[in-house]
Protein backbone atom coordinates (compact mmCIF):
# COMPACT_ATOMS: atom_id res chain seq x y z
CA UNK A 1 121.61 38.94 22.31
CA UNK A 2 120.99 35.22 23.78
CA UNK A 3 122.62 35.44 27.44
CA UNK A 4 122.50 32.05 28.16
CA UNK A 5 124.47 31.07 25.29
CA UNK A 6 127.50 29.00 26.39
CA UNK A 7 130.65 31.07 26.44
CA UNK A 8 134.11 29.30 25.85
CA UNK A 9 136.39 30.78 28.97
CA UNK A 10 140.37 31.17 27.83
CA UNK A 11 142.32 30.20 30.66
CA UNK A 12 146.50 30.77 31.07
CA UNK A 13 146.79 27.40 29.86
CA UNK A 14 145.55 27.81 26.59
CA UNK A 15 147.12 31.27 25.48
CA UNK A 16 150.30 29.48 24.86
CA UNK A 17 151.92 33.08 24.65
CA UNK A 18 155.43 33.96 25.83
CA UNK A 19 154.73 36.53 28.31
CA UNK A 20 151.97 38.37 30.40
CA UNK A 21 151.47 41.44 28.05
CA UNK A 22 150.67 38.88 25.23
CA UNK A 23 148.17 37.33 27.44
CA UNK A 24 146.79 40.24 28.59
CA UNK A 25 146.44 41.46 24.85
CA UNK A 26 144.70 37.90 23.63
CA UNK A 27 142.69 38.31 27.08
CA UNK A 28 141.14 41.38 25.95
CA UNK A 29 139.36 40.04 22.80
CA UNK A 30 137.26 37.74 25.00
CA UNK A 31 134.51 38.23 27.03
CA UNK A 32 135.68 35.95 29.65
CA UNK A 33 138.34 36.42 31.91
CA UNK A 34 140.14 33.99 34.01
CA UNK A 35 139.20 34.59 37.82
CA UNK A 36 142.02 34.82 40.34
CA UNK A 37 145.18 35.70 37.86
CA UNK A 38 143.86 38.48 35.40
CA UNK A 39 141.88 41.63 36.16
CA UNK A 40 139.92 44.01 33.78
CA UNK A 41 140.48 48.00 34.30
CA UNK A 42 137.16 49.55 33.85
CA UNK A 43 139.24 53.15 32.59
CA UNK A 44 140.48 51.81 29.77
CA UNK A 45 139.87 48.33 29.27
CA UNK A 46 143.33 46.57 29.18
CA UNK A 47 143.24 42.95 30.91
CA UNK A 48 145.93 43.42 33.98
CA UNK A 49 148.12 40.73 35.57
CA UNK A 50 146.42 40.82 39.14
CA UNK A 51 149.87 40.92 41.07
CA UNK A 52 151.05 43.32 39.24
CA UNK A 53 148.08 45.46 39.58
CA UNK A 54 148.64 44.99 43.92
CA UNK A 55 152.36 46.14 43.90
CA UNK A 56 151.17 49.38 42.77
CA UNK A 57 148.61 50.08 44.97
CA UNK A 58 145.59 48.93 43.10
CA UNK A 59 146.46 51.28 40.29
CA UNK A 60 146.17 50.81 36.76
CA UNK A 61 149.43 51.20 35.05
CA UNK A 62 147.64 52.51 31.88
CA UNK A 63 144.88 54.87 32.58
CA UNK A 64 145.69 55.63 36.27
CA UNK A 65 141.92 54.13 37.02
CA UNK A 66 142.10 53.32 40.95
CA UNK A 67 140.66 49.70 42.22
CA UNK A 68 138.26 49.60 44.99
CA UNK A 69 140.35 48.83 48.22
CA UNK A 70 139.32 46.29 50.77
CA UNK A 71 139.64 48.16 54.27
CA UNK A 72 143.09 46.04 55.20
CA UNK A 73 144.71 47.13 52.22
CA UNK A 74 143.26 50.66 53.03
CA UNK A 75 144.65 50.38 56.53
CA UNK A 76 147.74 49.02 55.09
CA UNK A 77 148.94 52.33 52.56
CA UNK A 78 147.64 54.72 55.12
CA UNK A 79 148.71 53.78 58.49
CA UNK A 80 152.30 53.61 59.46
CA UNK A 81 153.30 49.78 60.03
CA UNK A 82 152.44 48.25 62.90
CA UNK A 83 150.67 51.00 64.82
CA UNK A 84 147.06 50.12 64.29
CA UNK A 85 144.64 49.60 66.65
CA UNK A 86 141.14 47.97 65.74
CA UNK A 87 138.17 49.32 67.43
CA UNK A 88 134.89 47.16 68.35
CA UNK A 89 136.46 44.58 65.91
CA UNK A 90 133.46 41.74 67.41
CA UNK A 91 130.14 44.04 66.62
CA UNK A 92 127.68 42.31 64.95
CA UNK A 93 124.35 43.69 63.16
CA UNK A 94 121.04 42.32 64.59
CA UNK A 95 117.75 41.88 62.90
CA UNK A 96 115.86 44.76 63.81
CA UNK A 97 113.08 44.70 61.41
CA UNK A 98 113.08 40.71 61.02
CA UNK A 99 113.79 41.16 57.39
CA UNK A 100 113.96 37.93 55.75
CA UNK A 101 117.00 36.15 55.16
CA UNK A 102 119.14 38.86 56.90
CA UNK A 103 120.99 37.11 58.93
CA UNK A 104 122.36 34.83 56.47
CA UNK A 105 123.59 37.59 53.86
CA UNK A 106 125.24 38.83 56.72
CA UNK A 107 126.84 35.58 57.22
CA UNK A 108 127.79 35.24 53.79
CA UNK A 109 129.62 39.09 53.67
CA UNK A 110 131.69 37.67 56.36
CA UNK A 111 132.79 34.88 54.91
CA UNK A 112 133.35 36.75 51.88
CA UNK A 113 135.63 39.81 53.24
CA UNK A 114 136.45 38.67 56.73
CA UNK A 115 134.95 41.58 58.82
CA UNK A 116 131.90 41.41 60.62
CA UNK A 117 130.41 45.01 59.17
CA UNK A 118 131.15 47.21 56.47
CA UNK A 119 133.37 49.59 58.77
CA UNK A 120 136.74 48.94 60.30
CA UNK A 121 137.87 51.44 62.57
CA UNK A 122 140.65 52.22 65.16
CA UNK A 123 143.88 54.74 65.65
CA UNK A 124 147.16 54.36 64.54
CA UNK A 125 149.88 56.73 63.29
CA UNK A 126 150.30 58.56 59.75
CA UNK A 127 153.60 59.67 58.84
CA UNK A 128 153.75 59.24 63.40
CA UNK A 129 150.82 61.79 63.79
CA UNK A 130 148.32 59.95 66.24
CA UNK A 131 144.96 59.42 64.23
CA UNK A 132 141.46 57.76 64.39
CA UNK A 133 140.49 56.27 61.08
CA UNK A 134 137.53 54.48 59.74
CA UNK A 135 137.49 52.72 56.46
CA UNK A 136 134.17 51.65 55.03
CA UNK A 137 134.16 48.62 52.68
CA UNK A 138 132.60 48.30 49.62
CA UNK A 139 132.48 44.76 49.70
CA UNK A 140 129.78 44.09 52.57
CA UNK A 141 126.79 44.66 51.14
CA UNK A 142 127.95 47.92 48.94
CA UNK A 143 128.95 49.00 52.29
CA UNK A 144 125.08 50.23 53.18
CA UNK A 145 125.27 51.87 56.27
CA UNK A 146 123.17 50.12 58.96
CA UNK A 147 123.01 50.50 63.15
CA UNK A 148 126.74 48.52 63.60
CA UNK A 149 128.32 51.18 60.71
CA UNK A 150 127.08 53.55 62.12
CA UNK A 151 127.37 52.84 65.68
CA UNK A 152 131.14 51.82 65.05
CA UNK A 153 132.03 54.93 63.19
CA UNK A 154 130.12 57.11 66.61
CA UNK A 155 132.57 55.30 68.33
CA UNK A 156 135.69 56.53 66.66
CA UNK A 157 134.50 59.55 66.20
CA UNK A 158 134.22 59.92 70.18
CA UNK A 159 136.79 58.28 71.51
CA UNK A 160 138.82 60.97 68.90
CA UNK A 161 137.23 63.47 70.63
CA UNK A 162 137.75 62.43 74.45
CA UNK A 163 141.58 61.91 73.00
CA UNK A 164 141.46 65.17 71.53
CA UNK A 165 142.88 63.26 67.83
CA UNK A 166 142.12 63.69 64.35
CA UNK A 167 139.66 61.64 62.73
CA UNK A 168 139.83 60.46 58.96
CA UNK A 169 137.10 58.55 57.74
CA UNK A 170 137.62 56.62 54.30
CA UNK A 171 134.10 56.29 52.78
CA UNK A 172 132.43 53.62 50.51
CA UNK A 173 129.00 53.07 50.24
CA UNK A 174 125.80 52.70 48.46
CA UNK A 175 123.41 54.50 51.12
CA UNK A 176 121.59 53.04 53.82
CA UNK A 177 120.90 49.85 54.42
CA UNK A 178 117.54 49.17 53.36
CA UNK A 179 116.78 45.47 55.60
CA UNK A 180 117.21 47.75 58.69
CA UNK A 181 115.11 50.95 57.30
CA UNK A 182 114.23 53.77 60.03
CA UNK A 183 117.54 52.45 62.39
CA UNK A 184 119.77 52.67 59.21
CA UNK A 185 118.55 56.40 58.49
CA UNK A 186 119.17 56.89 62.16
CA UNK A 187 122.83 56.68 61.81
CA UNK A 188 123.12 59.99 59.83
CA UNK A 189 121.80 62.20 62.77
CA UNK A 190 124.00 59.98 65.10
CA UNK A 191 126.98 60.15 63.25
CA UNK A 192 126.65 63.96 62.60
CA UNK A 193 126.14 64.72 65.91
CA UNK A 194 129.43 63.06 67.16
CA UNK A 195 130.97 64.92 64.44
CA UNK A 196 129.61 68.20 65.90
CA UNK A 197 131.04 67.46 69.53
CA UNK A 198 134.21 66.79 67.67
CA UNK A 199 134.32 70.09 66.04
CA UNK A 200 133.38 71.84 68.56
CA UNK A 201 136.04 70.66 70.34
CA UNK A 202 138.30 71.86 67.93
CA UNK A 203 139.70 68.84 66.13
CA UNK A 204 140.29 68.38 62.52
CA UNK A 205 138.34 65.83 60.56
CA UNK A 206 139.24 64.96 57.32
CA UNK A 207 137.14 62.97 54.63
CA UNK A 208 138.37 60.79 51.90
CA UNK A 209 135.66 60.12 49.59
CA UNK A 210 136.31 56.89 47.32
CA UNK A 211 134.27 54.84 44.79
CA UNK A 212 131.58 55.03 45.23
CA UNK A 213 130.42 57.11 47.99
CA UNK A 214 126.40 58.01 47.68
CA UNK A 215 122.92 57.89 49.36
CA UNK A 216 123.00 58.53 53.03
CA UNK A 217 126.30 58.55 53.80
CA UNK A 218 127.20 61.58 51.41
CA UNK A 219 123.93 62.96 53.20
CA UNK A 220 125.76 62.66 56.22
CA UNK A 221 129.61 62.67 57.44
CA UNK A 222 130.50 62.50 53.84
CA UNK A 223 130.39 65.50 53.09
CA UNK A 224 131.10 67.36 56.81
CA UNK A 225 135.03 67.26 56.63
CA UNK A 226 136.70 70.15 57.38
CA UNK A 227 138.55 69.19 54.33
CA UNK A 228 137.25 66.70 51.52
CA UNK A 229 139.49 64.98 49.59
CA UNK A 230 138.84 62.49 47.12
CA UNK A 231 140.11 59.82 44.33
CA UNK A 232 140.67 60.22 41.26
CA UNK A 233 136.92 59.50 39.07
CA UNK A 234 135.22 58.52 42.35
CA UNK A 235 131.57 58.77 41.87
CA UNK A 236 130.26 60.37 44.65
CA UNK A 237 126.40 61.44 44.77
CA UNK A 238 123.11 61.44 46.42
CA UNK A 239 120.16 60.23 44.12
CA UNK A 240 121.42 58.11 41.20
CA UNK A 241 121.65 59.41 38.04
CA UNK A 242 118.88 57.95 36.14
CA UNK A 243 116.11 59.32 39.22
CA UNK A 244 117.50 63.00 38.56
CA UNK A 245 117.06 62.68 35.24
CA UNK A 246 113.68 61.40 35.48
CA UNK A 247 112.59 63.64 37.81
CA UNK A 248 114.57 66.70 36.45
CA UNK A 249 113.41 65.74 32.53
CA UNK A 250 117.11 66.69 31.77
CA UNK A 251 119.87 64.88 30.58
CA UNK A 252 123.02 65.27 32.98
CA UNK A 253 126.85 66.23 32.32
CA UNK A 254 128.77 62.86 31.24
CA UNK A 255 131.15 63.86 34.13
CA UNK A 256 128.43 64.68 36.68
CA UNK A 257 128.94 62.91 39.94
CA UNK A 258 132.54 62.59 39.75
CA UNK A 259 135.15 63.94 42.37
CA UNK A 260 136.48 65.69 39.24
CA UNK A 261 132.74 67.68 38.76
CA UNK A 262 132.71 68.30 42.61
CA UNK A 263 136.64 69.83 42.81
CA UNK A 264 134.88 72.31 40.14
CA UNK A 265 131.85 72.92 41.79
CA UNK A 266 133.28 73.51 45.06
CA UNK A 267 132.15 70.31 47.26
CA UNK A 268 135.43 68.69 47.40
CA UNK A 269 138.83 70.25 48.09
CA UNK A 270 141.27 68.67 46.42
CA UNK A 271 141.67 65.25 44.26
CA UNK A 272 144.21 63.07 45.43
CA UNK A 273 146.05 60.10 43.72
CA UNK A 274 146.16 56.81 46.24
CA UNK A 275 150.23 56.77 45.74
CA UNK A 276 150.21 60.65 47.36
CA UNK A 277 147.29 60.38 50.01
CA UNK A 278 149.55 59.39 53.11
CA UNK A 279 152.24 61.58 52.57
CA UNK A 280 149.37 64.73 51.46
CA UNK A 281 147.05 62.90 54.95
CA UNK A 282 150.12 63.57 57.18
CA UNK A 283 151.16 66.71 56.04
CA UNK A 284 147.49 68.41 56.88
CA UNK A 285 147.34 66.46 60.21
CA UNK A 286 150.85 67.96 60.68
CA UNK A 287 149.84 71.88 60.12
CA UNK A 288 146.82 71.30 62.43
CA UNK A 289 149.04 69.63 64.95
CA UNK A 290 149.37 71.62 68.22
CA UNK A 291 152.77 70.63 68.35
CA UNK A 292 152.52 67.84 71.48
């Protein structure tokens, strides 16, 4: 296969079709999709009009595939309108190991995502129930957990403990951030310790596993929830599939490390579709509320 072969990019003006479904059908038969207007579903391969996907909370209308969301989109979907207050918005990463071009990479991610780091934390109401929330950003260096991610999540947990509030974390991560080495790995213990104190105070902690949740995040706060929810078909695991297969010299099941597989084996309490997630979270929080 010639990777450097020139390809013809199809644009909407080339199509001259009557409606978006016809356009989408023709686009499905091409290897390239116009950027900005159309997106291709990774679940069924259908080409979808981007605005239609956004109106449906980034869920494919054909197969139900859940596209990845930004923290802003997640918060707007989950938190009652006008109630969100962000924590530690200006906290930025340093370069503790003097890793080459790390500052440049952070700057590019800031420009791309509009966030200073790979997690957004804050407080708000979910169906009128006060809640502290953390939402990881898979677009910011693949949601990797560095010192700032760990510190922001820890501070949010400590605030929830102090104010006697439930904690909800939406996980999405490729694992620990290699550019920060051992400093990144230390965040696993720090966040787990903060959650331990939160738990000792008799408070509720819910994790929502979204695609993908892997590595050190899975091995720490992602799997420590009192109740663990997951979005459909989310990838959840520690080591990569190929690494495990090469280690144990066995072929793993096709559905291995999917949310449904984890539910079947008792690692997840419930798989919840995105459209039902706010209602589910609100109901769980209300059930655990002391009624004050």
